[in-house]
């Protein structure tokens, strides 16, 4: 009989790019090892890259749980003068080009108010939704994969509510990522980022991370 694992991921087909690849590919092979993957992902995510060809890699009949998400990117694009249909890449802070005054203000707001990232508004409703869902339909393990690191805070909330074994998968670093110093953080915000990161590392049963 299959064990069940819930995978909490922001990126899922039709998302393209690097962020979707690891757990899309891993989920294909989990049944060979006795695990049934269940995906939890946003219903209306603002993906910067769309690649419908990846949908063929989703296992037929896979259970996918979705919940609407609110993201502030439309406000950001209006503020900095970008077109509504223009994609916002999560790595734009790493771009080696001068930032406009409005972009600098936006970066300061993002770093100090959207903690740990712009998907923070999805954390609380996701914890509430998944707590109820998993009480009715239990799973044997949880995996959260980030970035965005809000996914780890969802995993942490479920772990604390239901005490399900939890693996936090860091595809990218948190406070040691290359653009962290560009967020213009206040002392309070910097402390909060570090505290949340430490809480995730302490609470997770297992952690996988990138190497240097």
Foldseek 3Di string as FASTA:
>chain_A
DAFEEEEEAADDPQADDDRHPPVLQVQLCVVVVRYQYEYEYEPDDQHQHGHNVSVVSHDPPHHYHYDHFDFCVQVLCVQQVHDNPHGDDPCPLVDPDDDDPSRLVVLLCQLEPVPPGRRLRVQVVLLVVVLVVCVVVPGQEYEYEDDVCSSLSNVLSNCVNPVHAYEYEYAADRCPGPSNVSSPYDPVSSVVSVVVVVSSVVRHPHYHYDDD
